[in-house]
Protein backbone atom coordinates (compact mmCIF):
# COMPACT_ATOMS: atom_id res chain seq x y z
CA UNK A 1 155.24 27.44 -54.93
CA UNK A 2 153.71 24.03 -54.44
CA UNK A 3 152.09 22.60 -57.53
CA UNK A 4 150.25 19.85 -55.63
CA UNK A 5 149.38 16.56 -57.23
CA UNK A 6 149.59 16.71 -61.00
CA UNK A 7 146.32 16.05 -62.80
CA UNK A 8 146.19 13.35 -65.44
CA UNK A 9 145.15 14.90 -68.74
CA UNK A 10 145.09 13.50 -72.22
CA UNK A 11 147.59 15.08 -74.65
CA UNK A 12 145.05 17.44 -76.23
CA UNK A 13 143.96 18.74 -72.83
CA UNK A 14 147.54 19.15 -71.64
CA UNK A 15 148.46 21.00 -74.83
CA UNK A 16 145.46 23.31 -74.42
CA UNK A 17 146.43 23.95 -70.80
CA UNK A 18 149.96 24.93 -71.80
CA UNK A 19 148.60 27.21 -74.53
CA UNK A 20 146.28 28.93 -72.06
CA UNK A 21 149.19 29.49 -69.66
CA UNK A 22 151.32 30.85 -72.51
CA UNK A 23 148.56 33.31 -73.48
CA UNK A 24 148.49 34.61 -69.91
CA UNK A 25 152.28 34.84 -69.64
CA UNK A 26 152.90 36.52 -73.00
CA UNK A 27 149.98 38.87 -72.33
CA UNK A 28 151.39 39.90 -68.96
CA UNK A 29 154.92 40.41 -70.28
CA UNK A 30 156.69 40.34 -73.61
CA UNK A 31 158.21 37.61 -75.71
CA UNK A 32 161.71 38.34 -74.44
CA UNK A 33 160.70 38.64 -70.78
CA UNK A 34 158.81 35.31 -70.61
CA UNK A 35 160.72 32.06 -70.26
CA UNK A 36 159.62 28.48 -70.81
CA UNK A 37 160.10 28.01 -67.06
CA UNK A 38 157.56 30.79 -66.44
CA UNK A 39 155.06 29.12 -68.77
CA UNK A 40 155.67 25.67 -67.30
CA UNK A 41 155.12 27.02 -63.78
CA UNK A 42 151.91 28.79 -64.85
CA UNK A 43 150.65 25.59 -66.50
CA UNK A 44 151.74 23.38 -63.60
CA UNK A 45 153.86 21.14 -65.83
CA UNK A 46 157.51 20.18 -66.10
CA UNK A 47 159.49 22.40 -68.49
CA UNK A 48 160.43 19.55 -70.87
CA UNK A 49 156.73 19.20 -71.70
CA UNK A 50 156.87 22.60 -73.43
CA UNK A 51 159.45 21.20 -75.85
CA UNK A 52 157.56 17.93 -76.15
CA UNK A 53 154.31 19.56 -77.26
CA UNK A 54 155.58 22.65 -79.08
CA UNK A 55 159.31 22.31 -79.76
CA UNK A 56 160.33 25.39 -77.78
CA UNK A 57 159.41 28.89 -76.72
CA UNK A 58 159.37 30.37 -80.23
CA UNK A 59 157.09 27.69 -81.62
CA UNK A 60 154.77 28.03 -78.62
CA UNK A 61 154.64 31.82 -79.05
CA UNK A 62 153.76 31.48 -82.74
CA UNK A 63 151.03 28.99 -81.86
CA UNK A 64 149.59 31.56 -79.43
CA UNK A 65 149.65 34.12 -82.26
CA UNK A 66 147.93 31.66 -84.59
CA UNK A 67 145.30 30.81 -82.00
CA UNK A 68 144.55 34.47 -81.28
CA UNK A 69 144.37 35.68 -84.88
CA UNK A 70 142.91 32.86 -86.98
CA UNK A 71 139.14 32.56 -86.80
CA UNK A 72 138.38 28.87 -86.24
CA UNK A 73 135.99 27.13 -88.61
CA UNK A 74 133.50 26.20 -85.83
CA UNK A 75 132.75 29.91 -85.32
CA UNK A 76 131.09 29.91 -88.75
CA UNK A 77 129.92 26.29 -88.74
CA UNK A 78 127.93 26.91 -85.55
CA UNK A 79 126.17 30.02 -86.84
CA UNK A 80 122.39 29.62 -86.99
CA UNK A 81 120.50 29.69 -90.24
CA UNK A 82 119.16 33.14 -90.94
CA UNK A 83 119.82 36.38 -92.79
CA UNK A 84 123.47 37.31 -93.38
CA UNK A 85 123.29 40.34 -91.07
CA UNK A 86 122.24 38.18 -88.11
CA UNK A 87 125.02 35.69 -88.81
CA UNK A 88 127.59 38.48 -89.08
CA UNK A 89 126.39 40.04 -85.82
CA UNK A 90 126.77 36.74 -83.99
CA UNK A 91 130.24 36.16 -85.47
CA UNK A 92 131.40 39.64 -84.41
CA UNK A 93 129.92 39.15 -80.93
CA UNK A 94 131.93 35.92 -80.57
CA UNK A 95 135.10 37.63 -81.78
CA UNK A 96 134.66 40.46 -79.27
CA UNK A 97 134.10 37.90 -76.49
CA UNK A 98 137.39 36.14 -77.35
CA UNK A 99 139.35 39.39 -77.46
CA UNK A 100 137.83 40.57 -74.18
CA UNK A 101 138.72 37.29 -72.43
CA UNK A 102 142.27 37.42 -73.80
CA UNK A 103 142.81 41.19 -73.78
CA UNK A 104 146.51 41.25 -72.90
CA UNK A 105 147.47 38.39 -75.21
CA UNK A 106 145.55 39.98 -78.10
CA UNK A 107 147.31 43.32 -77.66
CA UNK A 108 150.69 41.61 -77.41
CA UNK A 109 150.02 39.78 -80.68
CA UNK A 110 148.83 42.76 -82.72
CA UNK A 111 151.69 44.90 -81.39
CA UNK A 112 154.17 42.29 -82.64
CA UNK A 113 153.09 42.54 -86.28
CA UNK A 114 156.58 43.78 -87.26
CA UNK A 115 157.92 40.28 -86.56
CA UNK A 116 158.18 38.57 -90.01
CA UNK A 117 156.75 35.25 -88.78
CA UNK A 118 153.94 36.98 -86.92
CA UNK A 119 153.22 39.06 -90.03
CA UNK A 120 153.05 35.86 -92.10
CA UNK A 121 150.54 34.34 -89.66
CA UNK A 122 148.46 37.52 -89.72
CA UNK A 123 148.37 37.46 -93.53
CA UNK A 124 147.20 33.86 -93.33
CA UNK A 125 144.64 34.91 -90.71
CA UNK A 126 143.33 37.67 -92.99
CA UNK A 127 142.78 35.19 -95.82
CA UNK A 128 140.98 32.75 -93.51
CA UNK A 129 138.93 35.62 -92.05
CA UNK A 130 137.84 36.54 -95.58
CA UNK A 131 136.67 32.95 -96.09
CA UNK A 132 134.79 33.04 -92.78
CA UNK A 133 133.11 36.38 -93.51
CA UNK A 134 132.00 35.19 -96.95
CA UNK A 135 130.66 31.96 -95.43
CA UNK A 136 128.80 33.91 -92.73
CA UNK A 137 127.35 36.19 -95.42
CA UNK A 138 126.40 33.06 -97.42
CA UNK A 139 128.58 34.08 -100.38
CA UNK A 140 130.94 31.79 -102.31
CA UNK A 141 134.61 32.00 -101.32
CA UNK A 142 135.80 32.26 -104.94
CA UNK A 143 135.04 34.83 -107.60
CA UNK A 144 135.16 37.93 -105.40
CA UNK A 145 138.79 39.20 -105.51
CA UNK A 146 137.87 42.84 -104.86
CA UNK A 147 135.60 41.88 -101.98
CA UNK A 148 138.29 39.68 -100.44
CA UNK A 149 140.71 42.61 -100.68
CA UNK A 150 138.25 44.88 -98.89
CA UNK A 151 137.59 42.29 -96.19
CA UNK A 152 141.35 41.99 -95.61
CA UNK A 153 141.49 45.77 -95.28
CA UNK A 154 138.54 45.58 -92.87
CA UNK A 155 140.66 43.20 -90.77
CA UNK A 156 143.30 45.91 -90.36
CA UNK A 157 140.61 48.37 -89.33
CA UNK A 158 139.21 45.81 -86.89
CA UNK A 159 142.59 45.48 -85.15
CA UNK A 160 142.93 49.27 -84.95
CA UNK A 161 139.40 49.56 -83.57
CA UNK A 162 140.18 46.98 -80.90
CA UNK A 163 143.01 49.22 -79.67
CA UNK A 164 140.59 52.16 -79.48
CA UNK A 165 138.41 50.01 -77.22
CA UNK A 166 141.03 48.24 -75.12
CA UNK A 167 143.85 50.79 -74.88
CA UNK A 168 142.60 54.29 -75.61
CA UNK A 169 139.14 53.74 -74.13
CA UNK A 170 137.56 55.88 -76.86
CA UNK A 171 134.99 53.21 -77.74
CA UNK A 172 132.76 51.25 -75.40
CA UNK A 173 132.14 47.61 -76.19
CA UNK A 174 128.63 48.29 -77.53
CA UNK A 175 129.97 51.13 -79.70
CA UNK A 176 132.74 48.91 -81.04
CA UNK A 177 130.18 46.23 -81.88
CA UNK A 178 127.95 48.69 -83.72
CA UNK A 179 130.92 50.11 -85.61
CA UNK A 180 132.17 46.70 -86.72
CA UNK A 181 128.73 45.33 -87.65
CA UNK A 182 127.57 48.40 -89.57
CA UNK A 183 130.92 48.81 -91.34
CA UNK A 184 130.89 45.19 -92.48
CA UNK A 185 127.26 45.23 -93.60
CA UNK A 186 127.89 48.49 -95.46
CA UNK A 187 130.94 46.93 -97.09
CA UNK A 188 128.98 43.92 -98.31
CA UNK A 189 125.73 45.61 -99.29
CA UNK A 190 126.81 49.04 -100.54
CA UNK A 191 130.56 49.49 -100.93
CA UNK A 192 131.31 46.30 -102.84
CA UNK A 193 128.46 46.79 -105.36
CA UNK A 194 129.66 50.39 -105.85
CA UNK A 195 133.19 49.18 -106.57
CA UNK A 196 131.86 46.65 -109.09
CA UNK A 197 129.73 49.35 -110.72
CA UNK A 198 132.79 51.59 -110.99
CA UNK A 199 134.70 48.74 -112.60
CA UNK A 200 131.90 48.17 -115.12
CA UNK A 201 131.64 51.88 -115.83
CA UNK A 202 135.38 52.09 -116.39
CA UNK A 203 135.30 49.16 -118.79
CA UNK A 204 132.42 50.74 -120.70
CA UNK A 205 134.10 54.11 -121.09
CA UNK A 206 137.33 52.39 -122.20
CA UNK A 207 135.37 50.75 -125.02
């Protein structure tokens, strides 16, 4: 395979290019079946650059996991002003777009949740996702421990729902979107207040 003349890229661009190649490679295979040589060839770079930018295959794989699971701040920062439901709809639409573009890599990541380091990243991702959801809903990040717990649980449901869409084919994209939007709005507007009311009722009866 002829790589042709190598393009000059700044370090951030080169790093992003290697990450994109790693997403494709890990999505098409498995962690054990993909080598740094495979990723270097897919990215059109020399293999030592993998170590230079990421330290090795394991570190690169974990960066792919982090990139696929952690919702970046700009997703929320770029949301338009408006009612919380609209902002949540846009955020979910963007998430679905990312998963659809990176289908194989996403499935590889969520199927590797038994890996302790991957599990740690996913726990971190769930906490950051809770922050992002609260920001999109225009709620403060602190002072809502029960709501944060329910949003983390919603994240597990979201991953399961993505498998129904991508693997089992039991949900169409539009159906997945409706399910995720309505479930989240219901959680924020109805379920969370009901949980708080139950807590208050329990405290009252204890007195």
